[in-house]
N, C-alpha and C. Protein backbone atom coordinates (compact mmCIF):
# COMPACT_ATOMS: atom_id res chain seq x y z
N MET A 1 31.32 57.16 83.81
CA MET A 1 31.81 55.89 83.32
C MET A 1 30.90 54.80 83.86
N SER A 2 30.30 54.05 82.97
CA SER A 2 29.35 53.06 83.46
C SER A 2 29.81 51.64 83.13
N PHE A 3 30.55 51.08 84.03
CA PHE A 3 30.90 49.66 83.97
C PHE A 3 31.17 49.22 85.40
N ALA A 4 31.09 47.95 85.62
CA ALA A 4 31.48 47.34 86.89
C ALA A 4 32.31 46.12 86.54
N THR A 5 33.46 45.98 87.17
CA THR A 5 34.32 44.84 86.85
C THR A 5 33.61 43.51 87.13
N CYS A 6 32.77 43.47 88.15
CA CYS A 6 32.01 42.24 88.43
C CYS A 6 31.10 41.89 87.26
N ASP A 7 30.41 42.90 86.72
CA ASP A 7 29.51 42.66 85.59
C ASP A 7 30.29 42.24 84.35
N ILE A 8 31.46 42.86 84.13
CA ILE A 8 32.29 42.48 82.98
C ILE A 8 32.70 41.01 83.10
N CYS A 9 33.10 40.59 84.29
CA CYS A 9 33.49 39.19 84.49
C CYS A 9 32.30 38.26 84.25
N ASP A 10 31.15 38.61 84.80
CA ASP A 10 29.96 37.76 84.64
C ASP A 10 29.56 37.62 83.18
N ALA A 11 29.66 38.70 82.42
CA ALA A 11 29.22 38.69 81.03
C ALA A 11 30.25 38.09 80.07
N ASN A 12 31.46 37.84 80.57
CA ASN A 12 32.54 37.40 79.68
C ASN A 12 33.29 36.19 80.21
N GLU A 13 32.56 35.26 80.79
CA GLU A 13 33.21 34.05 81.32
C GLU A 13 33.94 33.28 80.23
N ASP A 14 33.41 33.32 79.00
CA ASP A 14 34.09 32.65 77.89
C ASP A 14 35.45 33.27 77.62
N LYS A 15 35.56 34.59 77.75
CA LYS A 15 36.84 35.27 77.52
C LYS A 15 37.82 35.00 78.66
N ILE A 16 37.32 34.82 79.86
CA ILE A 16 38.20 34.45 80.97
C ILE A 16 38.79 33.06 80.70
N ALA A 17 37.96 32.15 80.22
CA ALA A 17 38.42 30.78 79.93
C ALA A 17 39.48 30.76 78.83
N THR A 18 39.39 31.69 77.86
CA THR A 18 40.35 31.72 76.76
C THR A 18 41.49 32.73 76.99
N HIS A 19 41.52 33.34 78.16
CA HIS A 19 42.56 34.31 78.55
C HIS A 19 42.51 35.61 77.74
N GLU A 20 41.37 35.89 77.11
CA GLU A 20 41.19 37.19 76.46
C GLU A 20 40.81 38.25 77.49
N LEU A 21 40.42 37.80 78.68
CA LEU A 21 40.11 38.66 79.81
C LEU A 21 40.74 38.04 81.03
N ALA A 22 41.47 38.84 81.80
CA ALA A 22 42.14 38.35 83.01
C ALA A 22 41.87 39.29 84.17
N VAL A 23 41.88 38.72 85.34
CA VAL A 23 41.72 39.49 86.58
C VAL A 23 43.06 39.51 87.29
N ILE A 24 43.57 40.71 87.55
CA ILE A 24 44.81 40.81 88.32
C ILE A 24 44.48 40.45 89.76
N PRO A 25 45.29 39.60 90.40
CA PRO A 25 45.02 39.26 91.80
C PRO A 25 44.91 40.52 92.66
N PRO A 26 44.19 40.44 93.77
CA PRO A 26 43.92 41.64 94.59
C PRO A 26 45.12 42.06 95.43
N ILE A 27 46.13 42.61 94.76
CA ILE A 27 47.36 43.02 95.43
C ILE A 27 47.48 44.54 95.57
N PHE A 28 46.55 45.28 94.96
CA PHE A 28 46.70 46.73 94.89
C PHE A 28 45.86 47.46 95.93
N MET A 29 46.43 48.57 96.41
CA MET A 29 45.69 49.53 97.21
C MET A 29 45.25 50.64 96.25
N ARG A 30 44.19 51.34 96.63
CA ARG A 30 43.60 52.37 95.77
C ARG A 30 44.01 53.76 96.25
N TYR A 31 44.41 54.62 95.30
CA TYR A 31 44.83 55.99 95.59
C TYR A 31 44.23 56.92 94.54
N GLY A 32 44.29 58.22 94.81
CA GLY A 32 43.74 59.22 93.90
C GLY A 32 42.24 59.36 94.11
N THR A 33 41.65 60.38 93.52
CA THR A 33 40.23 60.63 93.71
C THR A 33 39.35 59.82 92.77
N VAL A 34 39.93 59.25 91.73
CA VAL A 34 39.15 58.50 90.75
C VAL A 34 39.17 57.02 91.13
N ILE A 35 38.01 56.49 91.46
CA ILE A 35 37.91 55.09 91.87
C ILE A 35 37.76 54.18 90.67
N LYS A 36 37.04 54.63 89.66
CA LYS A 36 36.74 53.81 88.49
C LYS A 36 37.37 54.46 87.26
N PHE A 37 38.18 53.68 86.52
CA PHE A 37 38.78 54.20 85.29
C PHE A 37 39.03 53.06 84.32
N SER A 38 39.09 53.42 83.05
CA SER A 38 39.42 52.44 82.03
C SER A 38 40.10 53.14 80.87
N GLY A 39 40.89 52.38 80.14
CA GLY A 39 41.57 52.91 78.97
C GLY A 39 42.57 51.89 78.47
N GLN A 40 43.15 52.18 77.32
CA GLN A 40 44.15 51.29 76.77
C GLN A 40 45.48 51.45 77.51
N ALA A 41 46.18 50.34 77.62
CA ALA A 41 47.43 50.31 78.38
C ALA A 41 48.62 50.82 77.58
N VAL A 42 49.43 51.63 78.25
CA VAL A 42 50.78 51.93 77.83
C VAL A 42 51.65 51.24 78.87
N THR A 43 52.59 50.42 78.44
CA THR A 43 53.33 49.60 79.40
C THR A 43 54.78 50.04 79.55
N LEU A 44 55.26 49.89 80.79
CA LEU A 44 56.67 50.12 81.11
C LEU A 44 57.18 48.95 81.94
N LYS A 45 58.41 48.59 81.71
CA LYS A 45 59.09 47.61 82.55
C LYS A 45 60.32 48.31 83.11
N VAL A 46 60.32 48.54 84.42
CA VAL A 46 61.43 49.22 85.09
C VAL A 46 61.71 48.49 86.40
N PHE A 47 62.87 48.74 86.97
CA PHE A 47 63.16 48.17 88.28
C PHE A 47 63.89 49.20 89.12
N GLU A 48 63.18 49.73 90.11
CA GLU A 48 63.73 50.67 91.09
C GLU A 48 64.36 51.90 90.42
N ASP A 49 63.81 52.30 89.28
CA ASP A 49 64.29 53.43 88.49
C ASP A 49 63.06 54.05 87.82
N ASN A 50 62.85 55.35 87.99
CA ASN A 50 61.62 55.93 87.42
C ASN A 50 61.85 57.02 86.37
N VAL A 51 63.02 57.08 85.78
CA VAL A 51 63.26 58.07 84.72
C VAL A 51 62.29 57.85 83.56
N LEU A 52 62.11 56.62 83.14
CA LEU A 52 61.21 56.31 82.04
C LEU A 52 59.75 56.59 82.41
N VAL A 53 59.42 56.46 83.68
CA VAL A 53 58.06 56.79 84.15
C VAL A 53 57.80 58.27 83.91
N ARG A 54 58.73 59.11 84.35
CA ARG A 54 58.57 60.56 84.15
C ARG A 54 58.51 60.90 82.67
N GLU A 55 59.41 60.36 81.87
CA GLU A 55 59.43 60.65 80.44
C GLU A 55 58.10 60.29 79.79
N THR A 56 57.51 59.20 80.21
CA THR A 56 56.24 58.76 79.64
C THR A 56 55.11 59.68 80.07
N LEU A 57 55.05 60.02 81.36
CA LEU A 57 53.96 60.87 81.87
C LEU A 57 54.06 62.31 81.40
N GLU A 58 55.23 62.73 80.91
CA GLU A 58 55.38 64.07 80.34
C GLU A 58 54.68 64.19 78.99
N LYS A 59 54.38 63.05 78.37
CA LYS A 59 53.71 63.05 77.07
C LYS A 59 52.20 63.00 77.27
N PRO A 60 51.42 63.44 76.27
CA PRO A 60 49.96 63.37 76.39
C PRO A 60 49.50 61.93 76.62
N GLY A 61 48.61 61.79 77.61
CA GLY A 61 48.09 60.48 77.95
C GLY A 61 46.92 60.04 77.09
N ASN A 62 46.18 61.01 76.57
CA ASN A 62 45.06 60.72 75.66
C ASN A 62 44.10 59.68 76.22
N GLY A 63 43.85 59.72 77.52
CA GLY A 63 42.91 58.79 78.13
C GLY A 63 43.43 57.39 78.35
N HIS A 64 44.74 57.19 78.25
CA HIS A 64 45.34 55.88 78.45
C HIS A 64 45.65 55.62 79.94
N VAL A 65 45.95 54.37 80.22
CA VAL A 65 46.36 53.94 81.56
C VAL A 65 47.82 53.51 81.47
N LEU A 66 48.67 54.09 82.32
CA LEU A 66 50.06 53.68 82.38
C LEU A 66 50.16 52.49 83.33
N VAL A 67 50.67 51.37 82.82
CA VAL A 67 50.84 50.17 83.63
C VAL A 67 52.35 49.93 83.76
N ILE A 68 52.83 49.99 85.01
CA ILE A 68 54.26 49.90 85.29
C ILE A 68 54.57 48.57 85.97
N ASP A 69 55.35 47.75 85.30
CA ASP A 69 55.85 46.53 85.92
C ASP A 69 57.16 46.89 86.61
N GLY A 70 57.05 47.13 87.91
CA GLY A 70 58.22 47.45 88.72
C GLY A 70 58.78 46.24 89.43
N GLY A 71 58.41 45.05 88.96
CA GLY A 71 58.92 43.83 89.54
C GLY A 71 58.39 43.53 90.93
N GLY A 72 57.38 44.30 91.37
CA GLY A 72 56.81 44.08 92.69
C GLY A 72 57.74 44.50 93.82
N SER A 73 58.71 45.36 93.52
CA SER A 73 59.68 45.78 94.53
C SER A 73 59.03 46.65 95.62
N PHE A 74 59.40 46.35 96.85
CA PHE A 74 58.98 47.16 97.99
C PHE A 74 60.11 48.05 98.49
N ARG A 75 61.21 48.17 97.74
CA ARG A 75 62.39 48.88 98.23
C ARG A 75 62.41 50.37 97.93
N CYS A 76 61.57 50.83 96.98
CA CYS A 76 61.49 52.25 96.67
C CYS A 76 60.19 52.53 95.92
N ALA A 77 59.84 53.81 95.83
CA ALA A 77 58.61 54.22 95.14
C ALA A 77 58.92 54.63 93.71
N LEU A 78 58.05 54.20 92.78
CA LEU A 78 58.22 54.54 91.37
C LEU A 78 57.41 55.77 90.96
N VAL A 79 56.36 56.09 91.72
CA VAL A 79 55.50 57.24 91.42
C VAL A 79 55.26 58.00 92.71
N GLY A 80 55.36 59.33 92.63
CA GLY A 80 55.07 60.19 93.76
C GLY A 80 54.06 61.26 93.37
N GLY A 81 53.86 62.19 94.26
CA GLY A 81 52.87 63.24 94.04
C GLY A 81 53.11 64.07 92.80
N ASN A 82 54.36 64.42 92.53
CA ASN A 82 54.66 65.23 91.34
C ASN A 82 54.31 64.49 90.06
N LEU A 83 54.61 63.20 90.00
CA LEU A 83 54.31 62.42 88.79
C LEU A 83 52.81 62.20 88.63
N ALA A 84 52.11 62.01 89.74
CA ALA A 84 50.65 61.86 89.65
C ALA A 84 50.01 63.15 89.14
N ALA A 85 50.48 64.30 89.64
CA ALA A 85 49.96 65.59 89.17
C ALA A 85 50.29 65.80 87.69
N LEU A 86 51.47 65.37 87.26
CA LEU A 86 51.85 65.46 85.86
C LEU A 86 50.94 64.59 85.00
N ALA A 87 50.66 63.38 85.48
CA ALA A 87 49.76 62.48 84.76
C ALA A 87 48.38 63.08 84.61
N GLU A 88 47.87 63.66 85.69
CA GLU A 88 46.55 64.30 85.64
C GLU A 88 46.55 65.44 84.62
N LYS A 89 47.56 66.29 84.68
CA LYS A 89 47.67 67.45 83.78
C LYS A 89 47.74 67.02 82.32
N ASN A 90 48.38 65.89 82.05
CA ASN A 90 48.61 65.46 80.67
C ASN A 90 47.59 64.46 80.15
N GLY A 91 46.50 64.25 80.87
CA GLY A 91 45.40 63.47 80.33
C GLY A 91 45.48 61.96 80.48
N TRP A 92 46.27 61.47 81.42
CA TRP A 92 46.27 60.04 81.74
C TRP A 92 45.09 59.78 82.66
N VAL A 93 44.37 58.68 82.47
CA VAL A 93 43.22 58.40 83.35
C VAL A 93 43.60 57.57 84.55
N GLY A 94 44.71 56.85 84.45
CA GLY A 94 45.11 56.01 85.57
C GLY A 94 46.54 55.56 85.46
N ILE A 95 47.05 55.11 86.63
CA ILE A 95 48.39 54.54 86.71
C ILE A 95 48.28 53.29 87.58
N ILE A 96 48.84 52.20 87.10
CA ILE A 96 48.91 50.97 87.88
C ILE A 96 50.38 50.65 88.08
N VAL A 97 50.78 50.49 89.34
CA VAL A 97 52.18 50.27 89.67
C VAL A 97 52.35 48.92 90.35
N HIS A 98 53.02 48.01 89.68
CA HIS A 98 53.40 46.75 90.31
C HIS A 98 54.67 47.02 91.11
N GLY A 99 54.45 47.75 92.19
CA GLY A 99 55.51 48.24 93.05
C GLY A 99 54.89 49.27 93.98
N CYS A 100 55.69 50.24 94.42
CA CYS A 100 55.26 51.20 95.43
C CYS A 100 55.14 52.63 94.90
N ILE A 101 54.41 53.43 95.67
CA ILE A 101 54.28 54.86 95.43
C ILE A 101 54.68 55.61 96.70
N ARG A 102 54.78 56.92 96.61
CA ARG A 102 55.02 57.76 97.78
C ARG A 102 54.21 59.04 97.66
N ASP A 103 54.26 59.89 98.67
CA ASP A 103 53.47 61.13 98.67
C ASP A 103 51.98 60.82 98.58
N VAL A 104 51.53 59.91 99.40
CA VAL A 104 50.15 59.43 99.34
C VAL A 104 49.14 60.57 99.44
N ASP A 105 49.35 61.52 100.36
CA ASP A 105 48.39 62.63 100.49
C ASP A 105 48.31 63.45 99.21
N GLU A 106 49.44 63.67 98.56
CA GLU A 106 49.45 64.42 97.30
C GLU A 106 48.76 63.64 96.19
N ILE A 107 49.02 62.34 96.10
CA ILE A 107 48.38 61.52 95.08
C ILE A 107 46.87 61.47 95.32
N ASN A 108 46.47 61.36 96.58
CA ASN A 108 45.05 61.30 96.90
C ASN A 108 44.32 62.60 96.58
N ALA A 109 45.05 63.69 96.38
CA ALA A 109 44.44 64.96 95.98
C ALA A 109 44.32 65.10 94.46
N CYS A 110 44.92 64.18 93.72
CA CYS A 110 44.91 64.24 92.25
C CYS A 110 43.66 63.59 91.68
N ASN A 111 43.15 64.18 90.61
CA ASN A 111 41.98 63.64 89.91
C ASN A 111 42.44 62.59 88.90
N ILE A 112 42.89 61.47 89.43
CA ILE A 112 43.39 60.36 88.62
C ILE A 112 43.22 59.10 89.46
N GLY A 113 43.12 57.97 88.80
CA GLY A 113 43.07 56.70 89.51
C GLY A 113 44.45 56.09 89.58
N VAL A 114 44.84 55.66 90.77
CA VAL A 114 46.15 55.03 90.96
C VAL A 114 45.96 53.75 91.75
N ARG A 115 46.63 52.70 91.30
CA ARG A 115 46.67 51.44 92.04
C ARG A 115 48.14 51.10 92.23
N ALA A 116 48.50 50.74 93.45
CA ALA A 116 49.88 50.34 93.75
C ALA A 116 49.84 49.35 94.90
N MET A 117 50.96 48.67 95.09
CA MET A 117 51.01 47.64 96.11
C MET A 117 51.10 48.21 97.52
N ALA A 118 51.81 49.33 97.68
CA ALA A 118 52.00 49.90 99.03
C ALA A 118 52.68 51.26 98.91
N PRO A 119 52.59 52.05 99.97
CA PRO A 119 53.38 53.28 100.03
C PRO A 119 54.79 52.98 100.56
N MET A 120 55.76 53.77 100.10
CA MET A 120 57.16 53.63 100.52
C MET A 120 57.81 54.99 100.38
N PRO A 121 58.35 55.57 101.45
CA PRO A 121 58.87 56.94 101.36
C PRO A 121 60.16 57.11 100.56
N LEU A 122 60.91 56.05 100.33
CA LEU A 122 62.18 56.15 99.61
C LEU A 122 61.93 56.27 98.11
N ARG A 123 62.54 57.29 97.47
CA ARG A 123 62.34 57.48 96.04
C ARG A 123 63.21 56.52 95.22
N ALA A 124 62.82 56.37 93.97
CA ALA A 124 63.53 55.49 93.04
C ALA A 124 64.82 56.13 92.57
N ALA A 125 65.69 55.31 92.02
CA ALA A 125 66.93 55.77 91.41
C ALA A 125 66.62 56.49 90.10
N LYS A 126 67.60 57.18 89.58
CA LYS A 126 67.45 57.94 88.33
C LYS A 126 68.58 57.56 87.37
N HIS A 127 68.55 56.31 86.90
CA HIS A 127 69.58 55.83 85.98
C HIS A 127 69.10 55.81 84.53
N GLY A 128 67.79 55.73 84.32
CA GLY A 128 67.26 55.74 82.96
C GLY A 128 67.06 54.37 82.35
N GLY A 129 67.05 53.33 83.16
CA GLY A 129 66.86 51.99 82.62
C GLY A 129 65.39 51.65 82.42
N GLY A 130 65.14 50.59 81.68
CA GLY A 130 63.78 50.11 81.48
C GLY A 130 63.38 50.04 80.02
N MET A 131 62.15 49.55 79.80
CA MET A 131 61.62 49.40 78.45
C MET A 131 60.19 49.94 78.40
N ARG A 132 59.86 50.60 77.31
CA ARG A 132 58.51 51.08 77.07
C ARG A 132 57.86 50.22 75.99
N ASP A 133 56.53 50.09 76.08
CA ASP A 133 55.75 49.32 75.11
C ASP A 133 56.22 47.87 75.03
N ALA A 134 56.55 47.31 76.16
CA ALA A 134 56.96 45.91 76.25
C ALA A 134 55.80 45.06 76.76
N ARG A 135 55.81 43.80 76.44
CA ARG A 135 54.88 42.86 77.06
C ARG A 135 55.36 42.68 78.49
N ILE A 136 54.48 42.93 79.44
CA ILE A 136 54.87 42.85 80.85
C ILE A 136 54.01 41.82 81.57
N ASN A 137 54.40 41.55 82.80
CA ASN A 137 53.68 40.60 83.63
C ASN A 137 53.46 41.25 84.98
N VAL A 138 52.19 41.37 85.37
CA VAL A 138 51.84 41.95 86.67
C VAL A 138 51.11 40.88 87.45
N ALA A 139 51.78 40.37 88.47
CA ALA A 139 51.19 39.36 89.36
C ALA A 139 50.64 38.16 88.59
N GLY A 140 51.38 37.74 87.57
CA GLY A 140 50.98 36.57 86.81
C GLY A 140 50.07 36.85 85.63
N VAL A 141 49.72 38.11 85.40
CA VAL A 141 48.85 38.48 84.28
C VAL A 141 49.68 39.20 83.22
N ALA A 142 49.67 38.66 82.01
CA ALA A 142 50.38 39.28 80.89
C ALA A 142 49.60 40.49 80.40
N ILE A 143 50.33 41.59 80.15
CA ILE A 143 49.71 42.82 79.64
C ILE A 143 50.56 43.32 78.49
N LYS A 144 49.89 43.61 77.39
CA LYS A 144 50.56 44.13 76.20
C LYS A 144 50.10 45.57 75.96
N PRO A 145 50.93 46.37 75.31
CA PRO A 145 50.48 47.72 74.94
C PRO A 145 49.19 47.62 74.13
N GLY A 146 48.24 48.46 74.46
CA GLY A 146 46.96 48.47 73.74
C GLY A 146 45.89 47.61 74.37
N ASP A 147 46.25 46.72 75.31
CA ASP A 147 45.22 45.98 76.04
C ASP A 147 44.34 46.98 76.78
N TRP A 148 43.12 46.57 77.09
CA TRP A 148 42.18 47.43 77.81
C TRP A 148 42.21 47.13 79.30
N ILE A 149 42.32 48.18 80.09
CA ILE A 149 42.35 48.09 81.55
C ILE A 149 41.02 48.62 82.07
N TYR A 150 40.41 47.86 82.97
CA TYR A 150 39.19 48.28 83.66
C TYR A 150 39.46 48.16 85.15
N ALA A 151 39.34 49.26 85.88
CA ALA A 151 39.59 49.26 87.32
C ALA A 151 38.43 49.93 88.04
N ASP A 152 38.00 49.31 89.12
CA ASP A 152 37.00 49.93 90.00
C ASP A 152 37.26 49.44 91.42
N ALA A 153 36.31 49.66 92.31
CA ALA A 153 36.50 49.30 93.71
C ALA A 153 36.64 47.79 93.91
N ASP A 154 36.19 46.99 92.95
CA ASP A 154 36.26 45.54 93.09
C ASP A 154 37.53 44.92 92.54
N GLY A 155 38.26 45.63 91.68
CA GLY A 155 39.48 45.05 91.16
C GLY A 155 39.92 45.63 89.84
N VAL A 156 40.90 44.96 89.24
CA VAL A 156 41.50 45.41 87.98
C VAL A 156 41.46 44.27 86.98
N LEU A 157 40.92 44.58 85.78
CA LEU A 157 40.82 43.61 84.70
C LEU A 157 41.72 44.03 83.55
N VAL A 158 42.16 43.02 82.78
CA VAL A 158 42.94 43.26 81.56
C VAL A 158 42.23 42.51 80.44
N ALA A 159 41.85 43.23 79.38
CA ALA A 159 41.15 42.61 78.25
C ALA A 159 41.91 42.87 76.97
N ARG A 160 41.89 41.91 76.08
CA ARG A 160 42.59 42.04 74.80
C ARG A 160 41.88 43.00 73.86
N GLN A 161 40.56 43.26 74.12
CA GLN A 161 39.79 44.20 73.30
C GLN A 161 38.84 44.96 74.21
N ALA A 162 38.31 46.06 73.69
CA ALA A 162 37.34 46.86 74.46
C ALA A 162 36.09 46.01 74.74
N LEU A 163 35.62 46.05 75.97
CA LEU A 163 34.45 45.25 76.35
C LEU A 163 33.24 46.11 76.72
N VAL A 164 33.42 47.37 76.94
CA VAL A 164 32.28 48.27 77.24
C VAL A 164 32.40 49.54 76.44
């Protein structure tokens, strides 16, 4: 994969000005063996409940990035080692969690890119709430299904169209 988020920003300052390209603030820690990934977003909006996360990751990922708006909660983890392994098996290239993960050692063994705010050993509830394919907000950045996600060691970008 040949892109650098810094180069994308430099080459697309006009798109940053018009909000066709946005930079998510540096709130995420990096997990998994894949440092650099990109793909179209599949979005979820959940709060301290990961039933919809599992249901989504059980489906073929087809090179997409699952972006989970967990409301930035630090009270429980929305993704753990089993879900990361499921995502890898089903062809997801990355997972971005506006919230927490758990089973860090297991996730770090998976061939997938994961970004999350922090580790938290407490698992999420299993009530089945949430919305899929919704317009979400992650740290002040609006993300719609189909937007392009670019993540590397320097950060995470959201673009309205493919840029590389």
